[in-house]
Amino acid sequence: MVPNNQIILLKNGEAYFPALETALDRAVDEIYLESYIFENDRTGRRIAEALRRAAFRGVKTHMLIDGFGSKSLPKTMIDYLEEAGVMVLKFRPKISPWTLRRRRLRRLHRKTVVVDQKIAFVGGINIIDDMDMPGQTTPRYDYAVRVEGPLVKEIYESARRLWSRLAWTRRLHSPRGRNDKRRTPSPESAGSMRSAFLVRNNFRHRRDIEDAYLQTIERAQTEIILANAYFLPGLNFRHALMAAARRGVRVVLLLQGRMDYRLLHYASHALYGSFLDAGIEIYEYHQSIMHAKVAAVDEHWATVGSSNLDPFSLLLALEANVVVDDEGFTKTLKKSLEQAIKTGARRISENSWKTQPIAVRLATWLSYGFVRFLRGMAGYAQEKPSDQF
């Protein structure tokens, strides 16, 4: 944990994108933006214009997007950004739906932005319009945080390292020369919050995010509220949640209610029975698409980030979360989650779960088995050492 930070919770794109655009427009030295999805819609064009304005001012502007998540971003948009001086890289641009080799399944799922080593954003919100789904009447439900203080340096170093590795493999160099003379301002106190920046990668940080969850769940004394869009954790994680519930901790799961990805939707339902038997409360969010990956524990520990609790996030993708040890921040997140449960979610009762049709149960367990098979195939597939990050 790093002390003396100021962390502000941003709910949905309505709060996130204006804050992001303002920070980009105030940049004077350097920007690193990472996003799984960068869409050519109203929001994407808005952020693209802010990046172009920064590059025209002479700001070293780096944009890293995922080759699969951003596969629909047209080359004309990339050319438009590069003409202004924005440096654009795609993480694993070669995609194939027919291979299970890990280097194809590893994706850049992080959503981080660092501006002038002074302000950073971390969360689950992609560069995409909140209302992009057909027939959608309420915004996609998601969170990010705005970070100021010493923690920004860690976020910056992580973004710079990843960019440098990818740029080296692509022989990409800044048109303004090497970045050896970049400014490195000393960390300044911006508040009183203790926080940490956690990543999941394939070098030394394979389990950092999952371990942080597990340690906190095992120490929880009163309450765990966990909201996650794609929830299919491993055995240790499930046992930790059920053990917490059995020792008297209130455990609340707010999960995806709308069918976004059919396979994961049904597979995650295979866990409901054991959770309900342990006394865990399960709510499914139906008001809109839920994309959040957050948790609030004992009114003092919270996390906001990009990491789902499923095999692909926990085993394959590059992820980033911020952990905050602060009563005020955690209470704010808890209140927001409770409001979402009250106004947009339905509770899954033990009785309704046990009386569901046989066909639904069969689909659930077949989906769960297939996801486990895919996980096994990905885990044992051969890959070269150079494919690790």
Protein backbone atom coordinates (compact mmCIF):
# COMPACT_ATOMS: atom_id res chain seq x y z
CA MET A 1 0.00 0.00 0.00
CA VAL A 2 1.21 3.47 -0.96
CA PRO A 3 0.06 6.35 1.31
CA ASN A 4 -0.97 9.94 0.57
CA ASN A 5 -3.18 9.45 -2.50
CA GLN A 6 -6.49 10.93 -3.58
CA ILE A 7 -8.78 8.42 -5.30
CA ILE A 8 -12.10 9.54 -6.79
CA LEU A 9 -14.76 7.02 -7.82
CA LEU A 10 -16.25 7.54 -11.29
CA LYS A 11 -19.46 5.70 -12.16
CA ASN A 12 -20.21 4.96 -15.80
CA GLY A 13 -18.99 6.84 -18.84
CA GLU A 14 -21.13 9.82 -17.82
CA ALA A 15 -18.59 10.63 -15.10
CA TYR A 16 -15.50 9.03 -16.62
CA PHE A 17 -15.27 10.49 -20.12
CA PRO A 18 -15.59 14.19 -19.16
CA ALA A 19 -12.91 13.71 -16.48
CA LEU A 20 -10.67 11.88 -18.96
CA GLU A 21 -11.13 14.49 -21.70
CA THR A 22 -10.34 17.31 -19.27
CA ALA A 23 -7.12 15.58 -18.19
CA LEU A 24 -6.06 14.96 -21.80
CA ASP A 25 -6.70 18.60 -22.70
CA ARG A 26 -4.48 19.73 -19.80
CA ALA A 27 -1.58 17.41 -20.72
CA VAL A 28 1.72 19.17 -21.42
CA ASP A 29 4.29 16.37 -21.56
CA GLU A 30 3.17 12.76 -21.97
CA ILE A 31 0.09 10.52 -22.25
CA TYR A 32 -0.23 6.75 -22.08
CA LEU A 33 -3.67 5.32 -22.88
CA GLU A 34 -4.46 1.58 -22.78
CA SER A 35 -7.87 0.14 -23.68
CA TYR A 36 -9.24 -3.25 -24.67
CA ILE A 37 -11.91 -1.62 -26.84
CA PHE A 38 -11.56 1.65 -28.71
CA GLU A 39 -14.71 2.06 -30.77
CA ASN A 40 -15.31 4.41 -33.69
CA ASP A 41 -18.49 5.83 -32.17
CA ARG A 42 -19.40 9.19 -30.68
CA THR A 43 -17.36 8.54 -27.52
CA GLY A 44 -14.39 7.08 -29.39
CA ARG A 45 -14.25 10.05 -31.74
CA ARG A 46 -14.49 12.44 -28.79
CA ILE A 47 -11.48 10.87 -27.06
CA ALA A 48 -9.62 10.55 -30.38
CA GLU A 49 -9.99 14.30 -30.92
CA ALA A 50 -8.63 14.98 -27.42
CA LEU A 51 -5.62 12.76 -28.19
CA ARG A 52 -5.05 14.60 -31.49
CA ARG A 53 -5.23 17.98 -29.76
CA ALA A 54 -2.62 16.80 -27.27
CA ALA A 55 -0.32 15.49 -29.98
CA PHE A 56 -0.61 18.78 -31.93
CA ARG A 57 0.52 20.61 -28.76
CA GLY A 58 3.68 18.49 -28.74
CA VAL A 59 2.56 16.04 -26.04
CA LYS A 60 4.08 12.57 -26.51
CA THR A 61 0.86 10.64 -26.95
CA HIS A 62 0.80 6.83 -26.78
CA MET A 63 -2.32 4.77 -27.50
CA LEU A 64 -2.25 0.99 -26.94
CA ILE A 65 -5.32 -1.05 -27.88
CA ASP A 66 -6.07 -4.75 -28.10
CA GLY A 67 -6.06 -6.41 -31.52
CA PHE A 68 -9.22 -8.39 -30.81
CA GLY A 69 -11.20 -5.99 -28.64
CA SER A 70 -10.55 -3.11 -31.05
CA LYS A 71 -10.70 -5.12 -34.27
CA SER A 72 -13.57 -2.97 -35.56
CA LEU A 73 -11.59 0.28 -35.23
CA PRO A 74 -11.06 1.29 -38.88
CA LYS A 75 -7.60 1.92 -40.27
CA THR A 76 -8.79 5.36 -41.31
CA MET A 77 -9.21 6.29 -37.63
CA ILE A 78 -5.74 4.99 -36.78
CA ASP A 79 -4.26 6.91 -39.74
CA TYR A 80 -6.15 10.01 -38.60
CA LEU A 81 -4.57 9.74 -35.13
CA GLU A 82 -1.09 9.01 -36.45
CA GLU A 83 -1.24 11.99 -38.83
CA ALA A 84 -1.51 14.21 -35.75
CA GLY A 85 1.46 12.50 -34.09
CA VAL A 86 -0.37 10.01 -31.88
CA MET A 87 1.65 6.81 -31.62
CA VAL A 88 -0.69 3.81 -31.94
CA LEU A 89 0.11 0.17 -31.16
CA LYS A 90 -2.11 -2.91 -31.27
CA PHE A 91 -1.55 -5.70 -28.77
CA ARG A 92 -1.54 -9.04 -30.63
CA PRO A 93 -3.10 -7.75 -33.86
CA LYS A 94 -3.21 -11.23 -35.40
CA ILE A 95 -6.43 -12.84 -34.24
CA SER A 96 -7.99 -16.20 -35.03
CA PRO A 97 -11.23 -17.70 -33.72
CA TRP A 98 -9.99 -21.22 -34.49
CA THR A 99 -6.96 -21.53 -32.24
CA LEU A 100 -6.68 -22.17 -28.50
CA ARG A 101 -3.00 -21.39 -28.30
CA ARG A 102 -2.34 -19.13 -25.37
CA ARG A 103 -0.58 -16.42 -27.34
CA ARG A 104 -3.84 -15.91 -29.28
CA LEU A 105 -5.98 -15.95 -26.13
CA ARG A 106 -3.81 -13.52 -24.18
CA ARG A 107 -5.41 -10.11 -24.53
CA LEU A 108 -4.74 -6.59 -23.29
CA HIS A 109 -7.79 -6.11 -21.06
CA ARG A 110 -6.40 -3.19 -19.03
CA LYS A 111 -8.09 0.21 -19.10
CA THR A 112 -5.57 2.75 -17.83
CA VAL A 113 -4.59 6.30 -18.72
CA VAL A 114 -1.64 8.28 -17.31
CA VAL A 115 -1.25 12.00 -17.96
CA ASP A 116 2.02 13.83 -17.20
CA GLN A 117 2.80 11.39 -14.39
CA LYS A 118 0.39 13.45 -12.28
CA ILE A 119 -3.06 11.97 -12.95
CA ALA A 120 -4.07 8.40 -13.74
CA PHE A 121 -7.31 6.60 -14.50
CA VAL A 122 -7.84 2.89 -13.86
CA GLY A 123 -11.04 0.88 -14.19
CA GLY A 124 -13.25 -1.27 -16.32
CA ILE A 125 -14.56 1.34 -18.77
CA ASN A 126 -13.55 0.94 -22.41
CA ILE A 127 -13.48 3.78 -24.94
CA ILE A 128 -16.98 3.05 -26.16
CA ASP A 129 -20.37 4.71 -25.87
CA ASP A 130 -22.38 3.70 -22.78
CA MET A 131 -25.48 3.25 -24.93
CA ASP A 132 -24.06 1.18 -27.78
CA MET A 133 -26.32 -1.88 -27.49
CA PRO A 134 -29.50 -2.11 -29.65
CA GLY A 135 -32.59 -1.22 -27.64
CA GLN A 136 -30.53 -0.06 -24.66
CA THR A 137 -32.39 2.46 -22.48
CA THR A 138 -29.98 2.88 -19.54
CA PRO A 139 -26.16 3.24 -19.57
CA ARG A 140 -23.78 0.32 -19.24
CA TYR A 141 -23.01 -0.14 -15.53
CA ASP A 142 -19.28 0.26 -14.79
CA TYR A 143 -16.68 2.07 -12.69
CA ALA A 144 -13.27 3.72 -12.91
CA VAL A 145 -11.13 5.77 -10.54
CA ARG A 146 -9.17 8.99 -10.92
CA VAL A 147 -5.85 8.80 -9.08
CA GLU A 148 -3.55 11.54 -7.85
CA GLY A 149 -0.53 11.12 -5.60
CA PRO A 150 2.48 8.79 -5.34
CA LEU A 151 0.57 5.80 -6.75
CA VAL A 152 0.51 7.47 -10.17
CA LYS A 153 4.22 6.75 -10.56
CA GLU A 154 3.59 2.99 -10.30
CA ILE A 155 0.79 3.14 -12.86
CA TYR A 156 3.00 5.20 -15.17
CA GLU A 157 5.95 2.80 -14.90
CA SER A 158 3.69 -0.15 -15.69
CA ALA A 159 2.23 1.55 -18.77
CA ARG A 160 5.65 2.70 -19.98
CA ARG A 161 7.20 -0.77 -19.57
CA LEU A 162 4.42 -2.47 -21.51
CA TRP A 163 4.60 0.11 -24.31
CA SER A 164 8.40 -0.19 -24.50
CA ARG A 165 8.30 -3.97 -24.80
CA LEU A 166 5.74 -3.89 -27.56
CA ALA A 167 7.40 -0.98 -29.37
CA TRP A 168 10.72 -2.84 -29.31
CA THR A 169 9.17 -5.92 -30.89
CA ARG A 170 7.59 -3.77 -33.61
CA ARG A 171 10.74 -1.65 -34.09
CA LEU A 172 8.62 1.41 -33.33
CA HIS A 173 10.45 4.49 -32.12
CA SER A 174 9.10 7.88 -31.21
CA PRO A 175 9.48 10.44 -34.00
CA ARG A 176 10.69 12.85 -31.33
CA GLY A 177 13.54 10.54 -30.40
CA ARG A 178 14.22 8.37 -27.41
CA ASN A 179 12.30 9.07 -24.26
CA ASP A 180 15.33 8.91 -21.95
CA LYS A 181 14.98 12.57 -20.96
CA ARG A 182 11.36 12.31 -19.86
CA ARG A 183 10.37 14.21 -16.76
CA THR A 184 10.31 12.19 -13.56
CA PRO A 185 8.65 14.43 -10.97
CA SER A 186 8.97 13.33 -7.38
CA PRO A 187 5.74 11.90 -5.94
CA GLU A 188 3.66 14.49 -4.14
CA SER A 189 1.10 13.95 -1.45
CA ALA A 190 -2.40 14.46 -2.84
CA GLY A 191 -4.54 13.10 -0.02
CA SER A 192 -4.66 10.63 2.84
CA MET A 193 -5.70 7.38 1.14
CA ARG A 194 -3.59 4.24 1.21
CA SER A 195 -3.81 2.42 -2.11
CA ALA A 196 -2.06 -0.10 -4.34
CA PHE A 197 -1.82 -0.73 -8.06
CA LEU A 198 -2.12 -4.42 -8.95
CA VAL A 199 -1.55 -5.97 -12.34
CA ARG A 200 -2.02 -9.44 -13.75
CA ASN A 201 0.60 -10.40 -16.30
CA ASN A 202 2.54 -13.48 -17.31
CA PHE A 203 5.88 -12.65 -15.72
CA ARG A 204 6.01 -12.03 -11.97
CA HIS A 205 2.40 -11.01 -11.37
CA ARG A 206 0.32 -13.98 -12.43
CA ARG A 207 -1.80 -14.09 -9.26
CA ASP A 208 -1.49 -10.67 -7.62
CA ILE A 209 -5.09 -9.57 -8.18
CA GLU A 210 -6.58 -12.94 -7.22
CA ASP A 211 -4.36 -13.17 -4.12
CA ALA A 212 -5.41 -9.69 -2.98
CA TYR A 213 -9.05 -10.77 -3.21
CA LEU A 214 -8.38 -14.03 -1.36
CA GLN A 215 -6.44 -12.40 1.49
CA THR A 216 -9.18 -9.82 2.00
CA ILE A 217 -12.00 -12.36 1.85
CA GLU A 218 -10.25 -14.57 4.40
CA ARG A 219 -9.83 -11.59 6.77
CA ALA A 220 -13.35 -10.19 6.29
CA GLN A 221 -15.34 -9.81 9.48
CA THR A 222 -18.71 -8.29 8.61
CA GLU A 223 -19.49 -7.85 4.91
CA ILE A 224 -18.28 -8.59 1.38
CA ILE A 225 -20.04 -6.97 -1.58
CA LEU A 226 -18.61 -8.13 -4.87
CA ALA A 227 -19.82 -6.98 -8.30
CA ASN A 228 -18.41 -8.74 -11.33
CA ALA A 229 -19.58 -8.97 -14.91
CA TYR A 230 -18.11 -12.40 -15.73
CA PHE A 231 -17.91 -14.49 -12.60
CA LEU A 232 -16.44 -17.97 -12.77
CA PRO A 233 -13.69 -18.11 -10.11
CA GLY A 234 -11.57 -21.12 -9.26
CA LEU A 235 -12.06 -23.56 -6.40
CA ASN A 236 -9.97 -21.65 -3.84
CA PHE A 237 -11.88 -18.45 -4.47
CA ARG A 238 -15.25 -20.17 -4.19
CA HIS A 239 -14.26 -21.93 -0.97
CA ALA A 240 -13.06 -18.64 0.52
CA LEU A 241 -16.42 -16.97 -0.18
CA MET A 242 -18.41 -19.87 1.23
CA ALA A 243 -16.16 -20.08 4.31
CA ALA A 244 -16.70 -16.37 4.94
CA ALA A 245 -20.48 -16.77 4.70
CA ARG A 246 -20.43 -19.74 7.09
CA ARG A 247 -18.48 -17.81 9.73
CA GLY A 248 -21.16 -15.10 9.71
CA VAL A 249 -19.89 -12.62 7.13
CA ARG A 250 -22.61 -11.23 4.88
CA VAL A 251 -21.51 -12.12 1.35
CA VAL A 252 -23.31 -10.38 -1.54
CA LEU A 253 -22.70 -11.11 -5.23
CA LEU A 254 -23.97 -8.68 -7.86
CA LEU A 255 -23.64 -10.45 -11.20
CA GLN A 256 -24.59 -10.06 -14.84
CA GLY A 257 -28.31 -10.60 -15.36
CA ARG A 258 -28.56 -9.97 -19.09
CA MET A 259 -27.19 -12.60 -21.42
CA ASP A 260 -24.09 -10.96 -22.86
CA TYR A 261 -21.93 -14.02 -23.57
CA ARG A 262 -24.15 -17.11 -23.53
CA LEU A 263 -21.44 -19.63 -22.64
CA LEU A 264 -20.11 -17.74 -19.61
CA HIS A 265 -23.64 -16.79 -18.57
CA TYR A 266 -24.73 -20.40 -18.23
CA ALA A 267 -21.37 -21.62 -16.90
CA SER A 268 -21.40 -19.14 -14.00
CA HIS A 269 -24.89 -20.32 -13.04
CA ALA A 270 -23.45 -23.75 -12.25
CA LEU A 271 -21.98 -22.21 -9.07
CA TYR A 272 -25.22 -20.73 -7.78
CA GLY A 273 -26.42 -23.81 -5.93
CA SER A 274 -23.39 -24.19 -3.67
CA PHE A 275 -23.27 -20.44 -3.03
CA LEU A 276 -26.93 -20.31 -2.03
CA ASP A 277 -26.49 -23.36 0.23
CA ALA A 278 -23.69 -21.50 2.02
CA GLY A 279 -25.93 -18.49 2.65
CA ILE A 280 -24.48 -16.18 0.01
CA GLU A 281 -26.85 -13.57 -1.43
CA ILE A 282 -26.92 -13.49 -5.24
CA TYR A 283 -28.40 -10.62 -7.24
CA GLU A 284 -28.52 -10.37 -11.02
CA TYR A 285 -28.40 -6.91 -12.58
CA HIS A 286 -31.02 -6.47 -15.31
CA GLN A 287 -31.39 -2.72 -15.73
CA SER A 288 -28.62 -2.63 -18.36
CA ILE A 289 -25.44 -4.46 -19.33
CA MET A 290 -23.28 -4.79 -16.21
CA HIS A 291 -19.55 -4.42 -16.87
CA ALA A 292 -18.30 -3.62 -13.35
CA LYS A 293 -15.40 -5.39 -11.65
CA VAL A 294 -15.38 -3.99 -8.11
CA ALA A 295 -15.63 -5.04 -4.46
CA ALA A 296 -16.20 -3.41 -1.07
CA VAL A 297 -15.22 -5.27 2.11
CA ASP A 298 -15.81 -4.33 5.77
CA GLU A 299 -16.31 -0.65 4.85
CA HIS A 300 -12.58 0.00 4.54
CA TRP A 301 -11.17 -2.13 1.64
CA ALA A 302 -12.21 -1.65 -1.96
CA THR A 303 -10.99 -2.49 -5.44
CA VAL A 304 -11.87 -1.09 -8.86
CA GLY A 305 -10.37 -2.34 -12.10
CA SER A 306 -10.53 -4.38 -15.27
CA SER A 307 -10.20 -7.91 -13.90
CA ASN A 308 -13.18 -10.19 -14.09
CA LEU A 309 -13.19 -13.24 -11.86
CA ASP A 310 -13.18 -15.83 -14.61
CA PRO A 311 -10.47 -18.09 -16.11
CA PHE A 312 -9.66 -15.73 -18.96
CA SER A 313 -9.00 -12.69 -16.76
CA LEU A 314 -7.30 -14.64 -13.98
CA LEU A 315 -5.13 -16.85 -16.21
CA LEU A 316 -4.61 -15.18 -19.57
CA ALA A 317 -5.40 -11.47 -19.90
CA LEU A 318 -3.33 -8.45 -18.89
CA GLU A 319 -5.37 -6.73 -16.17
CA ALA A 320 -5.05 -3.76 -13.81
CA ASN A 321 -6.86 -2.95 -10.56
CA VAL A 322 -6.52 -0.27 -7.91
CA VAL A 323 -7.00 -1.32 -4.29
CA VAL A 324 -7.99 1.36 -1.77
CA ASP A 325 -7.80 1.04 2.02
CA ASP A 326 -10.00 3.95 3.03
CA GLU A 327 -13.29 4.08 4.89
CA GLY A 328 -14.76 7.04 3.01
CA PHE A 329 -14.00 5.65 -0.44
CA THR A 330 -15.27 2.18 0.44
CA LYS A 331 -18.49 3.54 1.88
CA THR A 332 -19.06 5.55 -1.31
CA LEU A 333 -18.60 2.44 -3.45
CA LYS A 334 -20.76 0.36 -1.12
CA LYS A 335 -23.58 2.92 -1.27
CA SER A 336 -23.41 2.92 -5.08
CA LEU A 337 -23.54 -0.88 -5.21
CA GLU A 338 -26.47 -1.03 -2.79
CA GLN A 339 -28.34 1.48 -4.94
CA ALA A 340 -27.71 -0.64 -8.03
CA ILE A 341 -29.00 -3.72 -6.20
CA LYS A 342 -32.09 -1.87 -5.01
CA THR A 343 -33.07 -0.30 -8.33
CA GLY A 344 -31.70 -2.61 -11.01
CA ALA A 345 -31.22 -6.14 -9.71
CA ARG A 346 -33.27 -9.22 -8.84
CA ARG A 347 -32.39 -11.59 -6.03
CA ILE A 348 -31.96 -15.27 -6.86
CA SER A 349 -33.88 -17.26 -4.25
CA GLU A 350 -32.88 -20.76 -3.22
CA ASN A 351 -36.35 -22.07 -4.00
CA SER A 352 -36.53 -20.62 -7.52
CA TRP A 353 -33.05 -21.93 -8.26
CA LYS A 354 -33.89 -25.50 -7.21
CA THR A 355 -37.12 -25.60 -9.22
CA GLN A 356 -35.71 -24.46 -12.57
CA PRO A 357 -36.37 -26.70 -15.61
CA ILE A 358 -34.13 -29.71 -16.29
CA ALA A 359 -33.17 -28.27 -19.70
CA VAL A 360 -31.77 -25.13 -18.08
CA ARG A 361 -29.79 -27.19 -15.56
CA LEU A 362 -28.38 -29.32 -18.34
CA ALA A 363 -27.32 -26.26 -20.36
CA THR A 364 -25.72 -24.83 -17.22
CA TRP A 365 -23.55 -27.86 -16.49
CA LEU A 366 -22.65 -28.47 -20.12
CA SER A 367 -21.49 -24.85 -20.40
CA TYR A 368 -19.50 -25.14 -17.19
CA GLY A 369 -17.81 -28.30 -18.43
CA PHE A 370 -16.97 -26.75 -21.77
CA VAL A 371 -15.43 -23.66 -20.14
CA ARG A 372 -13.29 -25.93 -17.96
CA PHE A 373 -12.22 -27.79 -21.10
CA LEU A 374 -11.24 -24.52 -22.80
CA ARG A 375 -9.32 -23.48 -19.71
CA GLY A 376 -7.42 -26.77 -19.71
CA MET A 377 -6.61 -26.50 -23.42
CA ALA A 378 -5.32 -22.96 -22.96
CA GLY A 379 -3.31 -23.95 -19.92
CA TYR A 380 -1.49 -26.83 -21.57
CA ALA A 381 -1.01 -25.39 -25.04
CA GLN A 382 2.61 -24.88 -25.98
CA GLU A 383 3.99 -21.42 -26.54
CA LYS A 384 7.35 -19.76 -26.95
CA PRO A 385 8.95 -17.76 -24.13
CA SER A 386 8.63 -14.63 -26.30
CA ASP A 387 4.84 -15.03 -26.21
CA GLN A 388 4.58 -14.60 -22.44
CA PHE A 389 3.51 -10.95 -22.13
